[in-house]
Amino acid sequence: MVVLALLIPPVMLGVLLMLGRYEDFLLPPVPPEADPAETGPAGLGR
């Protein structure tokens, strides 16, 4: 039982790190947003 209690936290950490690493493969790509300097302060364009 002690061994199980010692193994669970590293395994959970490993799963979280793997999910973070492969997040780019799981999520669809996000298109780049327009540069705020080009659109103006209100985002209405020039």
Protein backbone atom coordinates (compact mmCIF):
# COMPACT_ATOMS: atom_id res chain seq x y z
CA MET A 1 0.00 0.00 0.00
CA VAL A 2 2.89 2.36 0.74
CA VAL A 3 4.42 1.54 -2.65
CA LEU A 4 1.14 2.43 -4.34
CA ALA A 5 0.99 5.75 -2.47
CA LEU A 6 4.54 6.53 -3.59
CA LEU A 7 3.92 5.62 -7.23
CA ILE A 8 0.70 7.57 -7.86
CA PRO A 9 2.11 11.17 -7.74
CA PRO A 10 4.95 10.57 -10.24
CA VAL A 11 2.59 8.75 -12.58
CA MET A 12 0.09 11.62 -12.42
CA LEU A 13 2.88 14.13 -13.08
CA GLY A 14 4.03 12.10 -16.07
CA VAL A 15 0.51 12.05 -17.50
CA LEU A 16 0.19 15.83 -17.11
CA LEU A 17 3.54 16.39 -18.80
CA MET A 18 2.60 14.08 -21.68
CA LEU A 19 -0.71 15.90 -22.17
CA GLY A 20 1.08 19.23 -22.28
CA ARG A 21 3.62 17.92 -24.75
CA TYR A 22 1.05 16.48 -27.15
CA GLU A 23 -1.45 19.32 -26.76
CA ASP A 24 -0.37 20.77 -30.10
CA PHE A 25 -1.19 17.49 -31.83
CA LEU A 26 -4.59 17.11 -30.14
CA LEU A 27 -5.92 20.65 -30.66
CA PRO A 28 -6.67 22.18 -34.05
CA PRO A 29 -4.33 24.98 -35.14
CA VAL A 30 -5.42 28.49 -34.19
CA PRO A 31 -5.16 31.06 -37.00
CA PRO A 32 -2.90 33.99 -36.17
CA GLU A 33 -4.77 37.10 -35.17
CA ALA A 34 -4.23 40.45 -36.82
CA ASP A 35 -1.55 42.70 -35.41
CA PRO A 36 -3.23 45.31 -33.14
CA ALA A 37 -0.84 47.97 -34.45
CA GLU A 38 -2.28 47.53 -37.96
CA THR A 39 -5.95 47.56 -36.98
CA GLY A 40 -5.87 50.63 -34.76
CA PRO A 41 -6.96 51.09 -31.14
CA ALA A 42 -10.57 49.99 -31.62
CA GLY A 43 -9.84 47.15 -34.02
CA LEU A 44 -11.82 48.88 -36.80
CA GLY A 45 -9.05 49.11 -39.35
CA ARG A 46 -7.52 52.21 -40.88
